[in-house]
Amino acid sequence: MYKNIEKNTKLELKDLVVYQEGQVVSKTLVQNDLVSMTVFSFDKGEEISTHAAGGDAMVTVLEGKVGLPLAVRCPTWSRGKC
């Protein structure tokens, strides 16, 4: 099931959610039994709590830097760099 997006449409991921001061903003794009795809925007200093997922996770940094403490090989990521 697609959510919040049109099928067969070119998307600019960085434009799907906007920064909000002091907030974490998210938008679910796809949600079904096989895959879940959500775009997040974090204001500086914001974080999400530790959680478990039923499958693998993929992280792509579109702007700024993010710390991923559980990413052993590369705990800090920035756009295009690990």
C-alpha atoms as a PDB file:
ATOM      1  CA  MET A   1       0.000   0.000   0.000  1.00  0.00           C
ATOM      2  CA  TYR A   2       1.351   3.372  -0.978  1.00  0.00           C
ATOM      3  CA  LYS A   3       0.618   6.179   1.449  1.00  0.00           C
ATOM      4  CA  ASN A   4       1.007   9.902   0.905  1.00  0.00           C
ATOM      5  CA  ILE A   5       2.583   9.533  -2.552  1.00  0.00           C
ATOM      6  CA  GLU A   6       1.333   9.102  -6.103  1.00  0.00           C
ATOM      7  CA  LYS A   7       2.436   6.010  -8.026  1.00  0.00           C
ATOM      8  CA  ASN A   8       4.829   6.566 -10.941  1.00  0.00           C
ATOM      9  CA  THR A   9       5.865   9.991  -9.683  1.00  0.00           C
ATOM     10  CA  LYS A  10       9.382  11.382  -9.418  1.00  0.00           C
ATOM     11  CA  LEU A  11      10.053  12.382  -5.793  1.00  0.00           C
ATOM     12  CA  GLU A  12      12.581  14.661  -4.153  1.00  0.00           C
ATOM     13  CA  LEU A  13      12.877  12.980  -0.758  1.00  0.00           C
ATOM     14  CA  LYS A  14      14.244  16.078   0.954  1.00  0.00           C
ATOM     15  CA  ASP A  15      11.087  17.979  -0.014  1.00  0.00           C
ATOM     16  CA  LEU A  16       8.616  15.459   1.437  1.00  0.00           C
ATOM     17  CA  VAL A  17       9.003  16.602   5.051  1.00  0.00           C
ATOM     18  CA  VAL A  18      10.003  20.011   6.368  1.00  0.00           C
ATOM     19  CA  TYR A  19      12.077  20.902   9.400  1.00  0.00           C
ATOM     20  CA  GLN A  20      10.122  22.100  12.400  1.00  0.00           C
ATOM     21  CA  GLU A  21      11.907  23.681  15.323  1.00  0.00           C
ATOM     22  CA  GLY A  22      12.309  21.253  18.222  1.00  0.00           C
ATOM     23  CA  GLN A  23      10.525  18.452  16.360  1.00  0.00           C
ATOM     24  CA  VAL A  24      10.956  15.152  14.604  1.00  0.00           C
ATOM     25  CA  VAL A  25       8.706  15.091  11.537  1.00  0.00           C
ATOM     26  CA  SER A  26       7.943  11.914   9.598  1.00  0.00           C
ATOM     27  CA  LYS A  27       5.908  10.811   6.605  1.00  0.00           C
ATOM     28  CA  THR A  28       5.220   7.161   5.786  1.00  0.00           C
ATOM     29  CA  LEU A  29       5.519   6.536   2.050  1.00  0.00           C
ATOM     30  CA  VAL A  30       4.977   2.770   1.831  1.00  0.00           C
ATOM     31  CA  GLN A  31       3.544   0.402   4.453  1.00  0.00           C
ATOM     32  CA  ASN A  32       2.775  -3.272   3.877  1.00  0.00           C
ATOM     33  CA  ASP A  33       3.770  -6.733   5.119  1.00  0.00           C
ATOM     34  CA  LEU A  34       7.041  -6.676   3.163  1.00  0.00           C
ATOM     35  CA  VAL A  35       8.327  -3.129   3.433  1.00  0.00           C
ATOM     36  CA  SER A  36       7.947   0.091   5.354  1.00  0.00           C
ATOM     37  CA  MET A  37       9.463   3.308   4.027  1.00  0.00           C
ATOM     38  CA  THR A  38       9.369   6.487   6.087  1.00  0.00           C
ATOM     39  CA  VAL A  39      11.093   9.829   5.550  1.00  0.00           C
ATOM     40  CA  PHE A  40      12.207  11.686   8.699  1.00  0.00           C
ATOM     41  CA  SER A  41      13.282  15.247   9.380  1.00  0.00           C
ATOM     42  CA  PHE A  42      15.105  15.965  12.653  1.00  0.00           C
ATOM     43  CA  ASP A  43      15.768  19.381  14.120  1.00  0.00           C
ATOM     44  CA  LYS A  44      19.227  19.746  15.654  1.00  0.00           C
ATOM     45  CA  GLY A  45      19.428  17.829  18.932  1.00  0.00           C
ATOM     46  CA  GLU A  46      16.291  15.769  18.296  1.00  0.00           C
ATOM     47  CA  GLU A  47      16.290  11.964  18.258  1.00  0.00           C
ATOM     48  CA  ILE A  48      14.023   8.955  18.175  1.00  0.00           C
ATOM     49  CA  SER A  49      14.067   6.329  20.875  1.00  0.00           C
ATOM     50  CA  THR A  50      15.772   2.991  20.403  1.00  0.00           C
ATOM     51  CA  HIS A  51      13.403   0.578  18.743  1.00  0.00           C
ATOM     52  CA  ALA A  52      13.338  -2.752  16.952  1.00  0.00           C
ATOM     53  CA  ALA A  53      12.227  -3.384  13.407  1.00  0.00           C
ATOM     54  CA  GLY A  54      10.976  -6.574  11.806  1.00  0.00           C
ATOM     55  CA  GLY A  55      13.544  -6.377   9.016  1.00  0.00           C
ATOM     56  CA  ASP A  56      16.602  -4.599   7.738  1.00  0.00           C
ATOM     57  CA  ALA A  57      16.907  -0.826   7.838  1.00  0.00           C
ATOM     58  CA  MET A  58      18.383   1.533   5.269  1.00  0.00           C
ATOM     59  CA  VAL A  59      19.535   5.058   6.113  1.00  0.00           C
ATOM     60  CA  THR A  60      20.188   7.796   3.578  1.00  0.00           C
ATOM     61  CA  VAL A  61      21.295  11.212   4.812  1.00  0.00           C
ATOM     62  CA  LEU A  62      20.003  13.982   2.550  1.00  0.00           C
ATOM     63  CA  GLU A  63      21.304  16.971   4.500  1.00  0.00           C
ATOM     64  CA  GLY A  64      23.334  17.609   7.648  1.00  0.00           C
ATOM     65  CA  LYS A  65      24.844  14.932   9.911  1.00  0.00           C
ATOM     66  CA  VAL A  66      23.351  12.141  11.987  1.00  0.00           C
ATOM     67  CA  GLY A  67      24.722   9.915  14.709  1.00  0.00           C
ATOM     68  CA  LEU A  68      23.814   6.237  14.509  1.00  0.00           C
ATOM     69  CA  PRO A  69      25.246   4.640  17.651  1.00  0.00           C
ATOM     70  CA  LEU A  70      24.317   1.120  16.541  1.00  0.00           C
ATOM     71  CA  ALA A  71      26.087   1.480  13.193  1.00  0.00           C
ATOM     72  CA  VAL A  72      29.387  -0.068  14.277  1.00  0.00           C
ATOM     73  CA  ARG A  73      31.265   0.570  11.041  1.00  0.00           C
ATOM     74  CA  CYS A  74      30.264   4.209  10.812  1.00  0.00           C
ATOM     75  CA  PRO A  75      28.552   5.817  13.840  1.00  0.00           C
ATOM     76  CA  THR A  76      28.328   9.301  12.250  1.00  0.00           C
ATOM     77  CA  TRP A  77      26.923   9.890   8.774  1.00  0.00           C
ATOM     78  CA  SER A  78      26.578  12.951   6.567  1.00  0.00           C
ATOM     79  CA  ARG A  79      25.305  13.487   3.040  1.00  0.00           C
ATOM     80  CA  GLY A  80      27.090  11.022   0.789  1.00  0.00           C
ATOM     81  CA  LYS A  81      29.649  10.057   3.439  1.00  0.00           C
ATOM     82  CA  CYS A  82      30.062   7.404   6.050  1.00  0.00           C
END
